């Protein structure tokens, strides 16, 4: 997984630059954990749940808006607890999320 993320970041550095103000808004999916969210402004809501804990429409992500390609916020995980998370838009269609030593990728599917 770490090699995949390293390759992803390297390839992202070879792609065209992001827009002046990074656009986090849109529909995002993680195929590895089989969940999807819609980000609008600072809030991410469930559009496809991967556990019985979440239902469609639940708020699971809060990333306060900035003009940077990275935002620090909080994500609600399967146990229901909120944890600190950093989200970086490495490409227009790729959002890298990390908390501590864990990293995962969301792919833009729309918006």
N, C-alpha and C. Protein backbone atom coordinates (compact mmCIF):
# COMPACT_ATOMS: atom_id res chain seq x y z
N UNK A 1 0.83 -1.18 0.00
CA UNK A 1 0.00 0.00 0.00
C UNK A 1 0.88 1.26 0.00
N UNK A 2 1.92 1.28 0.82
CA UNK A 2 2.78 2.46 0.89
C UNK A 2 3.44 2.72 -0.45
N UNK A 3 3.86 1.66 -1.15
CA UNK A 3 4.48 1.83 -2.47
C UNK A 3 3.48 2.45 -3.45
N UNK A 4 2.23 1.99 -3.37
CA UNK A 4 1.18 2.54 -4.22
C UNK A 4 1.01 4.03 -3.96
N UNK A 5 0.96 4.43 -2.69
CA UNK A 5 0.77 5.84 -2.36
C UNK A 5 1.96 6.68 -2.78
N UNK A 6 3.17 6.14 -2.64
CA UNK A 6 4.36 6.86 -3.09
C UNK A 6 4.30 7.08 -4.60
N UNK A 7 3.95 6.03 -5.33
CA UNK A 7 3.82 6.15 -6.79
C UNK A 7 2.74 7.15 -7.16
N UNK A 8 1.65 7.16 -6.40
CA UNK A 8 0.57 8.10 -6.64
C UNK A 8 1.05 9.53 -6.47
N UNK A 9 1.78 9.79 -5.41
CA UNK A 9 2.27 11.14 -5.17
C UNK A 9 3.28 11.57 -6.22
N UNK A 10 4.13 10.65 -6.65
CA UNK A 10 5.10 10.97 -7.70
C UNK A 10 4.38 11.29 -9.00
N UNK A 11 3.39 10.47 -9.36
CA UNK A 11 2.66 10.72 -10.60
C UNK A 11 1.87 12.02 -10.50
N UNK A 12 1.38 12.34 -9.31
CA UNK A 12 0.64 13.59 -9.14
C UNK A 12 1.54 14.79 -9.37
N UNK A 13 2.82 14.65 -9.03
CA UNK A 13 3.73 15.77 -9.23
C UNK A 13 4.03 16.01 -10.70
N UNK A 14 3.72 15.03 -11.54
CA UNK A 14 3.97 15.16 -12.98
C UNK A 14 2.73 15.62 -13.74
N UNK A 15 1.61 15.77 -13.04
CA UNK A 15 0.37 16.17 -13.69
C UNK A 15 0.23 17.69 -13.64
N UNK A 16 -0.66 18.24 -14.46
CA UNK A 16 -0.86 19.69 -14.44
C UNK A 16 -1.25 20.18 -13.05
N UNK A 17 -0.93 21.42 -12.78
CA UNK A 17 -1.23 22.02 -11.47
C UNK A 17 -2.73 22.10 -11.25
N UNK A 18 -3.11 22.13 -9.99
CA UNK A 18 -4.51 22.29 -9.62
C UNK A 18 -4.95 23.71 -9.94
N UNK A 19 -6.25 23.91 -9.94
CA UNK A 19 -6.79 25.25 -10.12
C UNK A 19 -6.28 26.14 -8.97
N UNK A 20 -6.38 27.46 -9.14
CA UNK A 20 -5.88 28.36 -8.10
C UNK A 20 -6.46 28.04 -6.74
N UNK A 21 -7.75 27.81 -6.65
CA UNK A 21 -8.38 27.39 -5.41
C UNK A 21 -8.81 25.94 -5.58
N UNK A 22 -8.16 25.01 -4.85
CA UNK A 22 -8.48 23.59 -5.00
C UNK A 22 -9.96 23.31 -4.74
N UNK A 23 -10.54 22.45 -5.55
CA UNK A 23 -11.96 22.13 -5.45
C UNK A 23 -12.13 20.76 -4.81
N UNK A 24 -12.55 20.76 -3.56
CA UNK A 24 -12.81 19.51 -2.85
C UNK A 24 -14.25 19.04 -3.09
N UNK A 25 -15.14 19.98 -3.45
CA UNK A 25 -16.55 19.65 -3.65
C UNK A 25 -16.71 18.59 -4.72
N UNK A 26 -17.61 17.65 -4.48
CA UNK A 26 -17.91 16.63 -5.47
C UNK A 26 -18.17 15.29 -4.83
N UNK A 27 -18.34 14.29 -5.66
CA UNK A 27 -18.58 12.92 -5.22
C UNK A 27 -17.27 12.15 -5.24
N UNK A 28 -17.00 11.42 -4.15
CA UNK A 28 -15.74 10.70 -3.97
C UNK A 28 -16.03 9.28 -3.53
N UNK A 29 -15.18 8.35 -3.98
CA UNK A 29 -15.37 6.94 -3.65
C UNK A 29 -14.04 6.29 -3.30
N UNK A 30 -14.09 5.39 -2.32
CA UNK A 30 -12.93 4.58 -1.98
C UNK A 30 -13.28 3.13 -2.30
N UNK A 31 -12.71 2.57 -3.38
CA UNK A 31 -13.04 1.20 -3.75
C UNK A 31 -12.49 0.17 -2.76
N UNK A 32 -11.38 0.48 -2.11
CA UNK A 32 -10.77 -0.47 -1.17
C UNK A 32 -11.69 -0.74 0.03
N UNK A 33 -12.29 0.31 0.58
CA UNK A 33 -13.16 0.16 1.74
C UNK A 33 -14.64 0.22 1.36
N UNK A 34 -14.92 0.36 0.07
CA UNK A 34 -16.28 0.33 -0.47
C UNK A 34 -17.22 1.33 0.20
N UNK A 35 -16.81 2.60 0.21
CA UNK A 35 -17.71 3.65 0.67
C UNK A 35 -17.57 4.86 -0.24
N UNK A 36 -18.57 5.72 -0.19
CA UNK A 36 -18.56 6.93 -1.01
C UNK A 36 -19.13 8.08 -0.20
N UNK A 37 -18.61 9.28 -0.47
CA UNK A 37 -19.09 10.48 0.20
C UNK A 37 -19.26 11.60 -0.82
N UNK A 38 -20.06 12.58 -0.45
CA UNK A 38 -20.20 13.80 -1.24
C UNK A 38 -19.70 14.94 -0.35
N UNK A 39 -18.73 15.69 -0.87
CA UNK A 39 -18.20 16.83 -0.14
C UNK A 39 -18.81 18.09 -0.74
N UNK A 40 -19.33 18.91 0.15
CA UNK A 40 -19.88 20.20 -0.25
C UNK A 40 -19.44 21.21 0.80
N UNK A 41 -18.60 22.15 0.40
CA UNK A 41 -18.07 23.10 1.37
C UNK A 41 -17.12 22.39 2.33
N UNK A 42 -17.45 22.43 3.60
CA UNK A 42 -16.59 21.82 4.62
C UNK A 42 -17.07 20.44 5.07
N UNK A 43 -18.20 19.99 4.54
CA UNK A 43 -18.86 18.79 5.05
C UNK A 43 -18.83 17.65 4.03
N UNK A 44 -18.59 16.42 4.52
CA UNK A 44 -18.69 15.23 3.69
C UNK A 44 -19.79 14.34 4.24
N UNK A 45 -20.74 13.97 3.38
CA UNK A 45 -21.84 13.10 3.80
C UNK A 45 -21.77 11.76 3.07
N UNK A 46 -22.27 10.73 3.73
CA UNK A 46 -22.26 9.38 3.17
C UNK A 46 -23.25 9.28 2.02
N UNK A 47 -22.77 8.74 0.89
CA UNK A 47 -23.66 8.41 -0.22
C UNK A 47 -23.70 6.90 -0.44
N UNK A 48 -22.69 6.20 0.07
CA UNK A 48 -22.65 4.73 0.05
C UNK A 48 -21.90 4.28 1.30
N UNK A 49 -22.59 3.58 2.18
CA UNK A 49 -22.00 3.18 3.46
C UNK A 49 -21.30 1.84 3.37
N UNK A 50 -20.21 1.72 4.15
CA UNK A 50 -19.45 0.46 4.20
C UNK A 50 -19.68 -0.28 5.51
N UNK A 51 -20.55 0.24 6.36
CA UNK A 51 -20.81 -0.43 7.64
C UNK A 51 -22.24 -0.15 8.08
N UNK A 52 -22.68 -0.92 9.05
CA UNK A 52 -24.02 -0.73 9.60
C UNK A 52 -24.09 0.52 10.47
N UNK A 53 -22.95 1.10 10.80
CA UNK A 53 -22.89 2.27 11.67
C UNK A 53 -23.40 3.52 10.94
N UNK A 54 -23.15 3.61 9.64
CA UNK A 54 -23.50 4.81 8.89
C UNK A 54 -24.66 4.56 7.95
N UNK A 55 -25.43 5.62 7.76
CA UNK A 55 -26.54 5.60 6.81
C UNK A 55 -26.31 6.70 5.79
N UNK A 56 -26.94 6.55 4.66
CA UNK A 56 -26.84 7.57 3.63
C UNK A 56 -27.30 8.89 4.22
N UNK A 57 -26.49 9.94 4.00
CA UNK A 57 -26.81 11.27 4.52
C UNK A 57 -26.11 11.63 5.82
N UNK A 58 -25.47 10.66 6.49
CA UNK A 58 -24.73 10.95 7.72
C UNK A 58 -23.50 11.79 7.42
N UNK A 59 -23.22 12.75 8.28
CA UNK A 59 -22.01 13.55 8.16
C UNK A 59 -20.85 12.75 8.74
N UNK A 60 -19.81 12.51 7.93
CA UNK A 60 -18.67 11.72 8.37
C UNK A 60 -17.33 12.44 8.17
N UNK A 61 -17.37 13.62 7.57
CA UNK A 61 -16.12 14.33 7.29
C UNK A 61 -16.35 15.83 7.45
N UNK A 62 -15.41 16.47 8.14
CA UNK A 62 -15.43 17.92 8.29
C UNK A 62 -14.02 18.42 7.96
N UNK A 63 -13.91 19.11 6.83
CA UNK A 63 -12.62 19.67 6.39
C UNK A 63 -12.80 21.16 6.19
N UNK A 64 -12.46 21.98 7.20
CA UNK A 64 -12.63 23.42 7.05
C UNK A 64 -11.93 23.95 5.80
N UNK A 65 -12.63 24.80 5.09
CA UNK A 65 -12.14 25.31 3.81
C UNK A 65 -10.91 26.19 3.98
N UNK A 66 -9.98 26.00 3.08
CA UNK A 66 -8.81 26.87 2.96
C UNK A 66 -8.54 27.04 1.47
N UNK A 67 -7.59 27.85 1.12
CA UNK A 67 -7.21 28.00 -0.27
C UNK A 67 -6.04 27.10 -0.62
N UNK A 68 -5.66 26.23 0.30
CA UNK A 68 -4.57 25.29 0.09
C UNK A 68 -5.09 23.98 -0.46
N UNK A 69 -4.19 23.17 -1.00
CA UNK A 69 -4.60 21.85 -1.49
C UNK A 69 -4.72 20.84 -0.36
N UNK A 70 -4.34 21.22 0.87
CA UNK A 70 -4.49 20.35 2.04
C UNK A 70 -5.36 21.04 3.08
N UNK A 71 -6.19 20.23 3.74
CA UNK A 71 -7.05 20.73 4.81
C UNK A 71 -6.93 19.80 6.01
N UNK A 72 -6.94 20.37 7.19
CA UNK A 72 -6.95 19.58 8.42
C UNK A 72 -8.35 19.62 9.00
N UNK A 73 -8.86 18.44 9.35
CA UNK A 73 -10.21 18.36 9.88
C UNK A 73 -10.42 17.11 10.70
N UNK A 74 -11.65 16.58 10.62
CA UNK A 74 -12.01 15.40 11.40
C UNK A 74 -12.85 14.46 10.54
N UNK A 75 -12.68 13.15 10.77
CA UNK A 75 -13.48 12.15 10.10
C UNK A 75 -14.06 11.20 11.13
N UNK A 76 -15.29 10.80 10.92
CA UNK A 76 -15.96 9.83 11.79
C UNK A 76 -15.74 8.45 11.21
N UNK A 77 -15.26 7.55 12.05
CA UNK A 77 -14.94 6.20 11.60
C UNK A 77 -15.99 5.20 12.06
N UNK A 78 -15.83 3.93 11.65
CA UNK A 78 -16.82 2.88 11.89
C UNK A 78 -17.25 2.71 13.32
N UNK A 79 -16.38 3.01 14.26
CA UNK A 79 -16.75 2.91 15.67
C UNK A 79 -17.59 4.08 16.15
N UNK A 80 -17.77 5.08 15.28
CA UNK A 80 -18.56 6.25 15.63
C UNK A 80 -17.73 7.40 16.18
N UNK A 81 -16.45 7.15 16.46
CA UNK A 81 -15.58 8.20 17.01
C UNK A 81 -15.04 9.10 15.91
N UNK A 82 -14.86 10.37 16.25
CA UNK A 82 -14.24 11.33 15.34
C UNK A 82 -12.74 11.35 15.59
N UNK A 83 -11.95 11.45 14.52
CA UNK A 83 -10.49 11.50 14.64
C UNK A 83 -9.96 12.60 13.74
N UNK A 84 -8.80 13.15 14.14
CA UNK A 84 -8.13 14.15 13.32
C UNK A 84 -7.74 13.52 11.98
N UNK A 85 -7.91 14.27 10.91
CA UNK A 85 -7.58 13.77 9.58
C UNK A 85 -7.03 14.92 8.74
N UNK A 86 -6.15 14.60 7.83
CA UNK A 86 -5.62 15.58 6.88
C UNK A 86 -6.01 15.10 5.49
N UNK A 87 -6.60 15.99 4.72
CA UNK A 87 -6.99 15.68 3.35
C UNK A 87 -6.22 16.54 2.38
N UNK A 88 -5.55 15.91 1.42
CA UNK A 88 -4.77 16.64 0.42
C UNK A 88 -5.25 16.28 -0.97
N UNK A 89 -5.60 17.28 -1.72
CA UNK A 89 -6.01 17.10 -3.11
C UNK A 89 -4.74 17.04 -3.94
N UNK A 90 -4.29 15.80 -4.24
CA UNK A 90 -3.03 15.64 -4.96
C UNK A 90 -3.21 15.78 -6.47
N UNK A 91 -4.41 15.56 -6.93
CA UNK A 91 -4.82 15.81 -8.32
C UNK A 91 -6.29 16.18 -8.26
N UNK A 92 -6.82 16.70 -9.34
CA UNK A 92 -8.24 17.07 -9.34
C UNK A 92 -9.13 15.89 -8.99
N UNK A 93 -8.72 14.68 -9.38
CA UNK A 93 -9.55 13.50 -9.17
C UNK A 93 -9.05 12.59 -8.05
N UNK A 94 -8.08 13.03 -7.25
CA UNK A 94 -7.48 12.18 -6.23
C UNK A 94 -7.32 12.94 -4.91
N UNK A 95 -7.99 12.45 -3.88
CA UNK A 95 -7.93 13.03 -2.55
C UNK A 95 -7.25 12.03 -1.63
N UNK A 96 -6.11 12.40 -1.08
CA UNK A 96 -5.37 11.55 -0.16
C UNK A 96 -5.73 11.96 1.26
N UNK A 97 -6.24 11.01 2.04
CA UNK A 97 -6.59 11.26 3.44
C UNK A 97 -5.62 10.49 4.32
N UNK A 98 -5.26 11.09 5.46
CA UNK A 98 -4.37 10.40 6.38
C UNK A 98 -4.66 10.81 7.81
N UNK A 99 -4.45 9.85 8.69
CA UNK A 99 -4.56 10.08 10.12
C UNK A 99 -3.48 9.24 10.78
N UNK A 100 -2.55 9.89 11.44
CA UNK A 100 -1.43 9.15 12.03
C UNK A 100 -0.63 8.47 10.93
N UNK A 101 -0.53 7.15 11.01
CA UNK A 101 0.23 6.39 10.02
C UNK A 101 -0.66 5.77 8.94
N UNK A 102 -1.97 5.94 9.04
CA UNK A 102 -2.89 5.36 8.05
C UNK A 102 -3.16 6.36 6.93
N UNK A 103 -3.14 5.87 5.69
CA UNK A 103 -3.45 6.68 4.52
C UNK A 103 -4.41 5.90 3.62
N UNK A 104 -5.30 6.62 2.97
CA UNK A 104 -6.19 6.02 2.00
C UNK A 104 -6.55 7.07 0.96
N UNK A 105 -7.02 6.59 -0.19
CA UNK A 105 -7.29 7.47 -1.33
C UNK A 105 -8.77 7.42 -1.69
N UNK A 106 -9.30 8.60 -1.99
CA UNK A 106 -10.64 8.71 -2.55
C UNK A 106 -10.49 9.19 -3.99
N UNK A 107 -11.27 8.63 -4.88
CA UNK A 107 -11.27 9.01 -6.29
C UNK A 107 -12.54 9.78 -6.60
N UNK A 108 -12.38 10.89 -7.29
CA UNK A 108 -13.55 11.69 -7.67
C UNK A 108 -14.38 10.91 -8.70
N UNK A 109 -15.67 10.84 -8.46
CA UNK A 109 -16.57 10.14 -9.39
C UNK A 109 -17.54 11.10 -10.05
N UNK A 110 -17.60 12.31 -9.56
CA UNK A 110 -18.52 13.29 -10.13
C UNK A 110 -18.43 14.61 -9.39
N UNK A 111 -19.10 15.59 -9.95
CA UNK A 111 -19.14 16.91 -9.31
C UNK A 111 -18.09 17.74 -9.80
